[in-house]
Amino acid sequence: MALLLSTFPELAELCRLTRTLVRALLERTPELLGSWRDEVEQSGLKSLQAFVDGLRYEWSALVAACSTSWSNGPTEGVANRLKLVKRQMFGRGSFELLRKKVLLAA
C-alpha cells in the first residue's frame, strides 16, 4: 500500500480526503465537512469534485445528519420489509392477502 501511495500522489490525496470525510461522518462534526469540501475543491481530483457537486444539492441534509441524533432507519426497515413481502407474493394474491400477511407479521 505504501508503495502505491508513494508512486501515485493523487491516490494518496484521494485516500487522505476520503479518510477525512469518513472521520467527519463517524465523529459527527459538520465543521469538518465544510473544510473537507473546500479541500476537495482545491485538490484537482475531478471524480471527487464531481461527488462534492452532487452532495451540494443535499448539503443541508448531510450537515443535519452529522449534527442531530435523529435517524429514519426504523422507517426504512419497515418499508424494506413490506417490499420484501410484496415481492415474495408477486402475482399470487390480492391486496387483501398482502394486507393480512403484513399485519400478522408485525
PDB file of N, CA and C in Angstrom:
ATOM      1  N   MET A   1       0.827  -1.197   0.000  1.00  0.00           N
ATOM      2  CA  MET A   1       0.000   0.000   0.000  1.00  0.00           C
ATOM      3  C   MET A   1       0.869   1.257   0.000  1.00  0.00           C
ATOM      4  N   ALA A   2       1.915   1.255   0.807  1.00  0.00           N
ATOM      5  CA  ALA A   2       2.808   2.411   0.888  1.00  0.00           C
ATOM      6  C   ALA A   2       3.479   2.674  -0.456  1.00  0.00           C
ATOM      7  N   LEU A   3       3.833   1.601  -1.175  1.00  0.00           N
ATOM      8  CA  LEU A   3       4.453   1.759  -2.488  1.00  0.00           C
ATOM      9  C   LEU A   3       3.480   2.409  -3.465  1.00  0.00           C
ATOM     10  N   LEU A   4       2.229   1.965  -3.423  1.00  0.00           N
ATOM     11  CA  LEU A   4       1.195   2.571  -4.279  1.00  0.00           C
ATOM     12  C   LEU A   4       1.028   4.058  -3.985  1.00  0.00           C
ATOM     13  N   LEU A   5       0.910   4.384  -2.718  1.00  0.00           N
ATOM     14  CA  LEU A   5       0.686   5.774  -2.331  1.00  0.00           C
ATOM     15  C   LEU A   5       1.881   6.660  -2.663  1.00  0.00           C
ATOM     16  N   SER A   6       3.086   6.108  -2.559  1.00  0.00           N
ATOM     17  CA  SER A   6       4.256   6.916  -2.900  1.00  0.00           C
ATOM     18  C   SER A   6       4.426   7.049  -4.408  1.00  0.00           C
ATOM     19  N   THR A   7       3.970   6.044  -5.152  1.00  0.00           N
ATOM     20  CA  THR A   7       4.083   6.084  -6.614  1.00  0.00           C
ATOM     21  C   THR A   7       3.040   7.008  -7.232  1.00  0.00           C
ATOM     22  N   PHE A   8       1.854   7.006  -6.669  1.00  0.00           N
ATOM     23  CA  PHE A   8       0.763   7.811  -7.212  1.00  0.00           C
ATOM     24  C   PHE A   8       0.305   8.837  -6.174  1.00  0.00           C
ATOM     25  N   PRO A   9       0.823  10.054  -6.221  1.00  0.00           N
ATOM     26  CA  PRO A   9       0.460  11.066  -5.222  1.00  0.00           C
ATOM     27  C   PRO A   9      -1.026  11.434  -5.253  1.00  0.00           C
ATOM     28  N   GLU A  10      -1.658  11.324  -6.423  1.00  0.00           N
ATOM     29  CA  GLU A  10      -3.097  11.614  -6.498  1.00  0.00           C
ATOM     30  C   GLU A  10      -3.895  10.594  -5.692  1.00  0.00           C
ATOM     31  N   LEU A  11      -3.450   9.350  -5.702  1.00  0.00           N
ATOM     32  CA  LEU A  11      -4.109   8.307  -4.922  1.00  0.00           C
ATOM     33  C   LEU A  11      -3.942   8.570  -3.428  1.00  0.00           C
ATOM     34  N   ALA A  12      -2.770   9.033  -3.047  1.00  0.00           N
ATOM     35  CA  ALA A  12      -2.538   9.368  -1.644  1.00  0.00           C
ATOM     36  C   ALA A  12      -3.456  10.503  -1.205  1.00  0.00           C
ATOM     37  N   GLU A  13      -3.622  11.498  -2.059  1.00  0.00           N
ATOM     38  CA  GLU A  13      -4.516  12.622  -1.743  1.00  0.00           C
ATOM     39  C   GLU A  13      -5.967  12.148  -1.662  1.00  0.00           C
ATOM     40  N   LEU A  14      -6.359  11.278  -2.576  1.00  0.00           N
ATOM     41  CA  LEU A  14      -7.713  10.723  -2.556  1.00  0.00           C
ATOM     42  C   LEU A  14      -7.966   9.945  -1.259  1.00  0.00           C
ATOM     43  N   CYS A  15      -6.996   9.144  -0.840  1.00  0.00           N
ATOM     44  CA  CYS A  15      -7.136   8.388   0.415  1.00  0.00           C
ATOM     45  C   CYS A  15      -7.260   9.324   1.607  1.00  0.00           C
ATOM     46  N   ARG A  16      -6.435  10.357   1.631  1.00  0.00           N
ATOM     47  CA  ARG A  16      -6.475  11.299   2.748  1.00  0.00           C
ATOM     48  C   ARG A  16      -7.824  12.003   2.818  1.00  0.00           C
ATOM     49  N   LEU A  17      -8.311  12.466   1.676  1.00  0.00           N
ATOM     50  CA  LEU A  17      -9.596  13.173   1.654  1.00  0.00           C
ATOM     51  C   LEU A  17     -10.754  12.232   2.002  1.00  0.00           C
ATOM     52  N   THR A  18     -10.674  10.998   1.547  1.00  0.00           N
ATOM     53  CA  THR A  18     -11.722  10.021   1.861  1.00  0.00           C
ATOM     54  C   THR A  18     -11.744   9.724   3.351  1.00  0.00           C
ATOM     55  N   ARG A  19     -10.561   9.557   3.936  1.00  0.00           N
ATOM     56  CA  ARG A  19     -10.495   9.307   5.384  1.00  0.00           C
ATOM     57  C   ARG A  19     -11.024  10.495   6.177  1.00  0.00           C
ATOM     58  N   THR A  20     -10.762  11.695   5.690  1.00  0.00           N
ATOM     59  CA  THR A  20     -11.276  12.888   6.367  1.00  0.00           C
ATOM     60  C   THR A  20     -12.803  12.905   6.347  1.00  0.00           C
ATOM     61  N   LEU A  21     -13.393  12.556   5.197  1.00  0.00           N
ATOM     62  CA  LEU A  21     -14.855  12.506   5.100  1.00  0.00           C
ATOM     63  C   LEU A  21     -15.422  11.449   6.047  1.00  0.00           C
ATOM     64  N   VAL A  22     -14.818  10.280   6.065  1.00  0.00           N
ATOM     65  CA  VAL A  22     -15.303   9.208   6.941  1.00  0.00           C
ATOM     66  C   VAL A  22     -15.209   9.642   8.398  1.00  0.00           C
ATOM     67  N   ARG A  23     -14.101  10.272   8.775  1.00  0.00           N
ATOM     68  CA  ARG A  23     -13.941  10.732  10.156  1.00  0.00           C
ATOM     69  C   ARG A  23     -15.001  11.779  10.511  1.00  0.00           C
ATOM     70  N   ALA A  24     -15.285  12.696   9.570  1.00  0.00           N
ATOM     71  CA  ALA A  24     -16.307  13.722   9.820  1.00  0.00           C
ATOM     72  C   ALA A  24     -17.678  13.094  10.029  1.00  0.00           C
ATOM     73  N   LEU A  25     -17.990  12.068   9.259  1.00  0.00           N
ATOM     74  CA  LEU A  25     -19.294  11.419   9.392  1.00  0.00           C
ATOM     75  C   LEU A  25     -19.381  10.577  10.657  1.00  0.00           C
ATOM     76  N   LEU A  26     -18.322   9.847  10.973  1.00  0.00           N
ATOM     77  CA  LEU A  26     -18.347   8.991  12.157  1.00  0.00           C
ATOM     78  C   LEU A  26     -18.310   9.794  13.452  1.00  0.00           C
ATOM     79  N   GLU A  27     -17.547  10.878  13.458  1.00  0.00           N
ATOM     80  CA  GLU A  27     -17.442  11.704  14.662  1.00  0.00           C
ATOM     81  C   GLU A  27     -18.536  12.767  14.734  1.00  0.00           C
ATOM     82  N   ARG A  28     -19.350  12.822  13.684  1.00  0.00           N
ATOM     83  CA  ARG A  28     -20.467  13.776  13.618  1.00  0.00           C
ATOM     84  C   ARG A  28     -19.995  15.216  13.848  1.00  0.00           C
ATOM     85  N   THR A  29     -19.057  15.649  13.004  1.00  0.00           N
ATOM     86  CA  THR A  29     -18.534  17.011  13.093  1.00  0.00           C
ATOM     87  C   THR A  29     -18.816  17.745  11.790  1.00  0.00           C
ATOM     88  N   PRO A  30     -19.910  18.501  11.734  1.00  0.00           N
ATOM     89  CA  PRO A  30     -20.255  19.210  10.499  1.00  0.00           C
ATOM     90  C   PRO A  30     -19.226  20.272  10.117  1.00  0.00           C
ATOM     91  N   GLU A  31     -18.465  20.808  11.090  1.00  0.00           N
ATOM     92  CA  GLU A  31     -17.449  21.803  10.768  1.00  0.00           C
ATOM     93  C   GLU A  31     -16.367  21.184   9.877  1.00  0.00           C
ATOM     94  N   LEU A  32     -16.040  19.931  10.151  1.00  0.00           N
ATOM     95  CA  LEU A  32     -15.039  19.228   9.369  1.00  0.00           C
ATOM     96  C   LEU A  32     -15.526  18.990   7.941  1.00  0.00           C
ATOM     97  N   LEU A  33     -16.833  18.845   7.771  1.00  0.00           N
ATOM     98  CA  LEU A  33     -17.391  18.656   6.427  1.00  0.00           C
ATOM     99  C   LEU A  33     -17.131  19.868   5.546  1.00  0.00           C
ATOM    100  N   GLY A  34     -17.313  21.054   6.117  1.00  0.00           N
ATOM    101  CA  GLY A  34     -17.089  22.274   5.338  1.00  0.00           C
ATOM    102  C   GLY A  34     -15.649  22.420   4.895  1.00  0.00           C
ATOM    103  N   SER A  35     -14.719  22.156   5.793  1.00  0.00           N
ATOM    104  CA  SER A  35     -13.303  22.261   5.429  1.00  0.00           C
ATOM    105  C   SER A  35     -12.927  21.148   4.447  1.00  0.00           C
ATOM    106  N   TRP A  36     -13.536  19.968   4.598  1.00  0.00           N
ATOM    107  CA  TRP A  36     -13.292  18.878   3.651  1.00  0.00           C
ATOM    108  C   TRP A  36     -13.742  19.267   2.253  1.00  0.00           C
ATOM    109  N   ARG A  37     -14.922  19.865   2.153  1.00  0.00           N
ATOM    110  CA  ARG A  37     -15.441  20.292   0.846  1.00  0.00           C
ATOM    111  C   ARG A  37     -14.500  21.302   0.197  1.00  0.00           C
ATOM    112  N   ASP A  38     -13.994  22.246   0.989  1.00  0.00           N
ATOM    113  CA  ASP A  38     -13.058  23.245   0.455  1.00  0.00           C
ATOM    114  C   ASP A  38     -11.768  22.592  -0.034  1.00  0.00           C
ATOM    115  N   GLU A  39     -11.266  21.618   0.722  1.00  0.00           N
ATOM    116  CA  GLU A  39     -10.048  20.909   0.317  1.00  0.00           C
ATOM    117  C   GLU A  39     -10.248  20.143  -0.982  1.00  0.00           C
ATOM    118  N   VAL A  40     -11.427  19.521  -1.127  1.00  0.00           N
ATOM    119  CA  VAL A  40     -11.708  18.764  -2.348  1.00  0.00           C
ATOM    120  C   VAL A  40     -11.755  19.711  -3.547  1.00  0.00           C
ATOM    121  N   GLU A  41     -12.371  20.864  -3.374  1.00  0.00           N
ATOM    122  CA  GLU A  41     -12.456  21.820  -4.473  1.00  0.00           C
ATOM    123  C   GLU A  41     -11.082  22.314  -4.905  1.00  0.00           C
ATOM    124  N   GLN A  42     -10.124  22.377  -3.966  1.00  0.00           N
ATOM    125  CA  GLN A  42      -8.764  22.817  -4.274  1.00  0.00           C
ATOM    126  C   GLN A  42      -7.864  21.675  -4.756  1.00  0.00           C
ATOM    127  N   SER A  43      -8.305  20.434  -4.600  1.00  0.00           N
ATOM    128  CA  SER A  43      -7.438  19.283  -4.849  1.00  0.00           C
ATOM    129  C   SER A  43      -7.155  19.018  -6.319  1.00  0.00           C
ATOM    130  N   GLY A  44      -8.092  19.302  -7.191  1.00  0.00           N
ATOM    131  CA  GLY A  44      -7.906  18.977  -8.604  1.00  0.00           C
ATOM    132  C   GLY A  44      -8.313  17.560  -8.958  1.00  0.00           C
ATOM    133  N   LEU A  45      -8.857  16.815  -8.007  1.00  0.00           N
ATOM    134  CA  LEU A  45      -9.325  15.451  -8.279  1.00  0.00           C
ATOM    135  C   LEU A  45     -10.741  15.532  -8.849  1.00  0.00           C
ATOM    136  N   LYS A  46     -10.854  15.353 -10.145  1.00  0.00           N
ATOM    137  CA  LYS A  46     -12.128  15.574 -10.850  1.00  0.00           C
ATOM    138  C   LYS A  46     -13.250  14.667 -10.348  1.00  0.00           C
ATOM    139  N   SER A  47     -12.955  13.401 -10.119  1.00  0.00           N
ATOM    140  CA  SER A  47     -14.017  12.488  -9.695  1.00  0.00           C
ATOM    141  C   SER A  47     -14.545  12.860  -8.313  1.00  0.00           C
ATOM    142  N   LEU A  48     -13.664  13.233  -7.411  1.00  0.00           N
ATOM    143  CA  LEU A  48     -14.098  13.628  -6.076  1.00  0.00           C
ATOM    144  C   LEU A  48     -14.824  14.975  -6.115  1.00  0.00           C
ATOM    145  N   GLN A  49     -14.397  15.849  -7.005  1.00  0.00           N
ATOM    146  CA  GLN A  49     -15.091  17.129  -7.164  1.00  0.00           C
ATOM    147  C   GLN A  49     -16.501  16.915  -7.705  1.00  0.00           C
ATOM    148  N   ALA A  50     -16.661  15.951  -8.596  1.00  0.00           N
ATOM    149  CA  ALA A  50     -17.996  15.633  -9.110  1.00  0.00           C
ATOM    150  C   ALA A  50     -18.873  15.080  -7.989  1.00  0.00           C
ATOM    151  N   PHE A  51     -18.293  14.285  -7.106  1.00  0.00           N
ATOM    152  CA  PHE A  51     -19.020  13.758  -5.957  1.00  0.00           C
ATOM    153  C   PHE A  51     -19.496  14.894  -5.058  1.00  0.00           C
ATOM    154  N   VAL A  52     -18.626  15.862  -4.794  1.00  0.00           N
ATOM    155  CA  VAL A  52     -18.988  17.005  -3.960  1.00  0.00           C
ATOM    156  C   VAL A  52     -20.061  17.852  -4.641  1.00  0.00           C
ATOM    157  N   ASP A  53     -19.981  17.993  -5.966  1.00  0.00           N
ATOM    158  CA  ASP A  53     -21.023  18.731  -6.688  1.00  0.00           C
ATOM    159  C   ASP A  53     -22.377  18.056  -6.508  1.00  0.00           C
ATOM    160  N   GLY A  54     -22.399  16.732  -6.500  1.00  0.00           N
ATOM    161  CA  GLY A  54     -23.642  16.006  -6.240  1.00  0.00           C
ATOM    162  C   GLY A  54     -24.136  16.200  -4.819  1.00  0.00           C
ATOM    163  N   LEU A  55     -23.214  16.272  -3.875  1.00  0.00           N
ATOM    164  CA  LEU A  55     -23.595  16.487  -2.476  1.00  0.00           C
ATOM    165  C   LEU A  55     -24.133  17.890  -2.232  1.00  0.00           C
ATOM    166  N   ARG A  56     -23.759  18.824  -3.069  1.00  0.00           N
ATOM    167  CA  ARG A  56     -24.170  20.218  -2.898  1.00  0.00           C
ATOM    168  C   ARG A  56     -25.696  20.360  -2.833  1.00  0.00           C
ATOM    169  N   TYR A  57     -26.404  19.516  -3.567  1.00  0.00           N
ATOM    170  CA  TYR A  57     -27.867  19.580  -3.583  1.00  0.00           C
ATOM    171  C   TYR A  57     -28.475  19.114  -2.260  1.00  0.00           C
ATOM    172  N   GLU A  58     -27.760  18.259  -1.558  1.00  0.00           N
ATOM    173  CA  GLU A  58     -28.252  17.692  -0.298  1.00  0.00           C
ATOM    174  C   GLU A  58     -27.367  18.090   0.878  1.00  0.00           C
ATOM    175  N   TRP A  59     -26.628  19.182   0.735  1.00  0.00           N
ATOM    176  CA  TRP A  59     -25.660  19.564   1.757  1.00  0.00           C
ATOM    177  C   TRP A  59     -26.311  19.795   3.113  1.00  0.00           C
ATOM    178  N   SER A  60     -27.454  20.469   3.135  1.00  0.00           N
ATOM    179  CA  SER A  60     -28.115  20.746   4.419  1.00  0.00           C
ATOM    180  C   SER A  60     -28.537  19.444   5.104  1.00  0.00           C
ATOM    181  N   ALA A  61     -28.962  18.448   4.333  1.00  0.00           N
ATOM    182  CA  ALA A  61     -29.334  17.155   4.915  1.00  0.00           C
ATOM    183  C   ALA A  61     -28.108  16.439   5.463  1.00  0.00           C
ATOM    184  N   LEU A  62     -26.981  16.553   4.780  1.00  0.00           N
ATOM    185  CA  LEU A  62     -25.748  15.932   5.247  1.00  0.00           C
ATOM    186  C   LEU A  62     -25.270  16.558   6.549  1.00  0.00           C
ATOM    187  N   VAL A  63     -25.331  17.878   6.622  1.00  0.00           N
ATOM    188  CA  VAL A  63     -24.936  18.581   7.847  1.00  0.00           C
ATOM    189  C   VAL A  63     -25.891  18.217   8.988  1.00  0.00           C
ATOM    190  N   ALA A  64     -27.182  18.139   8.685  1.00  0.00           N
ATOM    191  CA  ALA A  64     -28.157  17.762   9.717  1.00  0.00           C
ATOM    192  C   ALA A  64     -27.917  16.337  10.211  1.00  0.00           C
ATOM    193  N   ALA A  65     -27.539  15.448   9.310  1.00  0.00           N
ATOM    194  CA  ALA A  65     -27.258  14.061   9.710  1.00  0.00           C
ATOM    195  C   ALA A  65     -26.062  13.996  10.659  1.00  0.00           C
ATOM    196  N   CYS A  66     -25.122  14.920  10.485  1.00  0.00           N
ATOM    197  CA  CYS A  66     -23.944  14.941  11.363  1.00  0.00           C
ATOM    198  C   CYS A  66     -24.216  15.645  12.684  1.00  0.00           C
ATOM    199  N   SER A  67     -25.195  16.518  12.712  1.00  0.00           N
ATOM    200  CA  SER A  67     -25.383  17.329  13.915  1.00  0.00           C
ATOM    201  C   SER A  67     -26.591  16.931  14.755  1.00  0.00           C
ATOM    202  N   THR A  68     -27.417  16.006  14.285  1.00  0.00           N
ATOM    203  CA  THR A  68     -28.565  15.564  15.073  1.00  0.00           C
ATOM    204  C   THR A  68     -28.484  14.056  15.305  1.00  0.00           C
ATOM    205  N   SER A  69     -29.215  13.591  16.286  1.00  0.00           N
ATOM    206  CA  SER A  69     -29.206  12.156  16.580  1.00  0.00           C
ATOM    207  C   SER A  69     -30.389  11.428  15.936  1.00  0.00           C
ATOM    208  N   TRP A  70     -31.202  12.139  15.181  1.00  0.00           N
ATOM    209  CA  TRP A  70     -32.366  11.521  14.550  1.00  0.00           C
ATOM    210  C   TRP A  70     -31.941  10.598  13.428  1.00  0.00           C
ATOM    211  N   SER A  71     -32.732   9.538  13.216  1.00  0.00           N
ATOM    212  CA  SER A  71     -32.453   8.582  12.159  1.00  0.00           C
ATOM    213  C   SER A  71     -33.775   8.074  11.587  1.00  0.00           C
ATOM    214  N   ASN A  72     -33.805   7.858  10.282  1.00  0.00           N
ATOM    215  CA  ASN A  72     -35.001   7.286   9.676  1.00  0.00           C
ATOM    216  C   ASN A  72     -34.813   5.787   9.434  1.00  0.00           C
ATOM    217  N   GLY A  73     -33.842   5.181  10.122  1.00  0.00           N
ATOM    218  CA  GLY A  73     -33.566   3.761   9.981  1.00  0.00           C
ATOM    219  C   GLY A  73     -34.765   2.862  10.241  1.00  0.00           C
ATOM    220  N   PRO A  74     -35.519   3.074  11.344  1.00  0.00           N
ATOM    221  CA  PRO A  74     -36.691   2.217  11.580  1.00  0.00           C
ATOM    222  C   PRO A  74     -37.735   2.316  10.465  1.00  0.00           C
ATOM    223  N   THR A  75     -37.944   3.509   9.952  1.00  0.00           N
ATOM    224  CA  THR A  75     -38.907   3.692   8.862  1.00  0.00           C
ATOM    225  C   THR A  75     -38.447   2.953   7.613  1.00  0.00           C
ATOM    226  N   GLU A  76     -37.153   3.075   7.297  1.00  0.00           N
ATOM    227  CA  GLU A  76     -36.616   2.378   6.134  1.00  0.00           C
ATOM    228  C   GLU A  76     -36.717   0.862   6.316  1.00  0.00           C
ATOM    229  N   GLY A  77     -36.539   0.386   7.534  1.00  0.00           N
ATOM    230  CA  GLY A  77     -36.659  -1.042   7.799  1.00  0.00           C
ATOM    231  C   GLY A  77     -38.061  -1.572   7.541  1.00  0.00           C
ATOM    232  N   VAL A  78     -39.063  -0.807   7.963  1.00  0.00           N
ATOM    233  CA  VAL A  78     -40.461  -1.214   7.737  1.00  0.00           C
ATOM    234  C   VAL A  78     -40.768  -1.217   6.245  1.00  0.00           C
ATOM    235  N   ALA A  79     -40.316  -0.179   5.534  1.00  0.00           N
ATOM    236  CA  ALA A  79     -40.558  -0.105   4.088  1.00  0.00           C
ATOM    237  C   ALA A  79     -39.862  -1.264   3.370  1.00  0.00           C
ATOM    238  N   ASN A  80     -38.656  -1.594   3.791  1.00  0.00           N
ATOM    239  CA  ASN A  80     -37.910  -2.689   3.180  1.00  0.00           C
ATOM    240  C   ASN A  80     -38.626  -4.018   3.414  1.00  0.00           C
ATOM    241  N   ARG A  81     -39.119  -4.240   4.626  1.00  0.00           N
ATOM    242  CA  ARG A  81     -39.831  -5.483   4.934  1.00  0.00           C
ATOM    243  C   ARG A  81     -41.107  -5.598   4.102  1.00  0.00           C
ATOM    244  N   LEU A  82     -41.840  -4.511   3.961  1.00  0.00           N
ATOM    245  CA  LEU A  82     -43.068  -4.509   3.175  1.00  0.00           C
ATOM    246  C   LEU A  82     -42.776  -4.833   1.708  1.00  0.00           C
ATOM    247  N   LYS A  83     -41.716  -4.246   1.165  1.00  0.00           N
ATOM    248  CA  LYS A  83     -41.354  -4.521  -0.229  1.00  0.00           C
ATOM    249  C   LYS A  83     -40.944  -5.979  -0.415  1.00  0.00           C
ATOM    250  N   LEU A  84     -40.254  -6.531   0.583  1.00  0.00           N
ATOM    251  CA  LEU A  84     -39.853  -7.933   0.504  1.00  0.00           C
ATOM    252  C   LEU A  84     -41.073  -8.843   0.462  1.00  0.00           C
ATOM    253  N   VAL A  85     -42.036  -8.609   1.331  1.00  0.00           N
ATOM    254  CA  VAL A  85     -43.258  -9.425   1.349  1.00  0.00           C
ATOM    255  C   VAL A  85     -44.000  -9.280   0.027  1.00  0.00           C
ATOM    256  N   LYS A  86     -44.070  -8.064  -0.483  1.00  0.00           N
ATOM    257  CA  LYS A  86     -44.769  -7.813  -1.746  1.00  0.00           C
ATOM    258  C   LYS A  86     -44.082  -8.568  -2.897  1.00  0.00           C
ATOM    259  N   ARG A  87     -42.739  -8.550  -2.929  1.00  0.00           N
ATOM    260  CA  ARG A  87     -42.014  -9.262  -3.981  1.00  0.00           C
ATOM    261  C   ARG A  87     -42.217 -10.767  -3.884  1.00  0.00           C
ATOM    262  N   GLN A  88     -42.252 -11.284  -2.664  1.00  0.00           N
ATOM    263  CA  GLN A  88     -42.439 -12.727  -2.487  1.00  0.00           C
ATOM    264  C   GLN A  88     -43.807 -13.171  -2.973  1.00  0.00           C
ATOM    265  N   MET A  89     -44.793 -12.291  -2.874  1.00  0.00           N
ATOM    266  CA  MET A  89     -46.162 -12.645  -3.251  1.00  0.00           C
ATOM    267  C   MET A  89     -46.496 -12.268  -4.686  1.00  0.00           C
ATOM    268  N   PHE A  90     -45.561 -11.736  -5.440  1.00  0.00           N
ATOM    269  CA  PHE A  90     -45.852 -11.201  -6.764  1.00  0.00           C
ATOM    270  C   PHE A  90     -46.676 -12.163  -7.610  1.00  0.00           C
ATOM    271  N   GLY A  91     -47.856 -11.693  -8.015  1.00  0.00           N
ATOM    272  CA  GLY A  91     -48.725 -12.469  -8.891  1.00  0.00           C
ATOM    273  C   GLY A  91     -49.479 -13.594  -8.211  1.00  0.00           C
ATOM    274  N   ARG A  92     -49.402 -13.710  -6.878  1.00  0.00           N
ATOM    275  CA  ARG A  92     -50.019 -14.849  -6.208  1.00  0.00           C
ATOM    276  C   ARG A  92     -51.079 -14.475  -5.196  1.00  0.00           C
ATOM    277  N   GLY A  93     -51.536 -13.263  -5.225  1.00  0.00           N
ATOM    278  CA  GLY A  93     -52.549 -12.930  -4.235  1.00  0.00           C
ATOM    279  C   GLY A  93     -53.091 -11.531  -4.434  1.00  0.00           C
ATOM    280  N   SER A  94     -54.117 -11.261  -3.698  1.00  0.00           N
ATOM    281  CA  SER A  94     -54.762  -9.958  -3.797  1.00  0.00           C
ATOM    282  C   SER A  94     -54.155  -8.985  -2.784  1.00  0.00           C
ATOM    283  N   PHE A  95     -54.591  -7.759  -2.866  1.00  0.00           N
ATOM    284  CA  PHE A  95     -54.148  -6.752  -1.910  1.00  0.00           C
ATOM    285  C   PHE A  95     -54.587  -7.136  -0.501  1.00  0.00           C
ATOM    286  N   GLU A  96     -55.758  -7.735  -0.386  1.00  0.00           N
ATOM    287  CA  GLU A  96     -56.268  -8.125   0.929  1.00  0.00           C
ATOM    288  C   GLU A  96     -55.362  -9.173   1.587  1.00  0.00           C
ATOM    289  N   LEU A  97     -54.866 -10.121   0.794  1.00  0.00           N
ATOM    290  CA  LEU A  97     -53.947 -11.129   1.334  1.00  0.00           C
ATOM    291  C   LEU A  97     -52.631 -10.478   1.758  1.00  0.00           C
ATOM    292  N   LEU A  98     -52.132  -9.568   0.940  1.00  0.00           N
ATOM    293  CA  LEU A  98     -50.912  -8.840   1.285  1.00  0.00           C
ATOM    294  C   LEU A  98     -51.100  -8.065   2.586  1.00  0.00           C
ATOM    295  N   ARG A  99     -52.229  -7.426   2.736  1.00  0.00           N
ATOM    296  CA  ARG A  99     -52.537  -6.654   3.938  1.00  0.00           C
ATOM    297  C   ARG A  99     -52.522  -7.547   5.172  1.00  0.00           C
ATOM    298  N   LYS A 100     -53.174  -8.691   5.088  1.00  0.00           N
ATOM    299  CA  LYS A 100     -53.219  -9.625   6.222  1.00  0.00           C
ATOM    300  C   LYS A 100     -51.820 -10.158   6.559  1.00  0.00           C
ATOM    301  N   LYS A 101     -51.068 -10.479   5.531  1.00  0.00           N
ATOM    302  CA  LYS A 101     -49.732 -11.010   5.755  1.00  0.00           C
ATOM    303  C   LYS A 101     -48.846  -9.991   6.452  1.00  0.00           C
ATOM    304  N   VAL A 102     -48.935  -8.734   6.043  1.00  0.00           N
ATOM    305  CA  VAL A 102     -48.116  -7.681   6.638  1.00  0.00           C
ATOM    306  C   VAL A 102     -48.569  -7.411   8.077  1.00  0.00           C
ATOM    307  N   LEU A 103     -49.858  -7.343   8.303  1.00  0.00           N
ATOM    308  CA  LEU A 103     -50.368  -7.038   9.655  1.00  0.00           C
ATOM    309  C   LEU A 103     -50.098  -8.173  10.619  1.00  0.00           C
ATOM    310  N   LEU A 104     -50.155  -9.416  10.160  1.00  0.00           N
ATOM    311  CA  LEU A 104     -49.877 -10.550  11.048  1.00  0.00           C
ATOM    312  C   LEU A 104     -48.395 -10.664  11.384  1.00  0.00           C
ATOM    313  N   ALA A 105     -47.552 -10.202  10.486  1.00  0.00           N
ATOM    314  CA  ALA A 105     -46.101 -10.277  10.717  1.00  0.00           C
ATOM    315  C   ALA A 105     -45.633  -9.217  11.692  1.00  0.00           C
ATOM    316  N   ALA A 106     -46.400  -8.169  11.891  1.00  0.00           N
ATOM    317  CA  ALA A 106     -45.970  -7.065  12.762  1.00  0.00           C
ATOM    318  C   ALA A 106     -46.051  -7.385  14.191  1.00  0.00           C
TER     319      ALA A 106
END
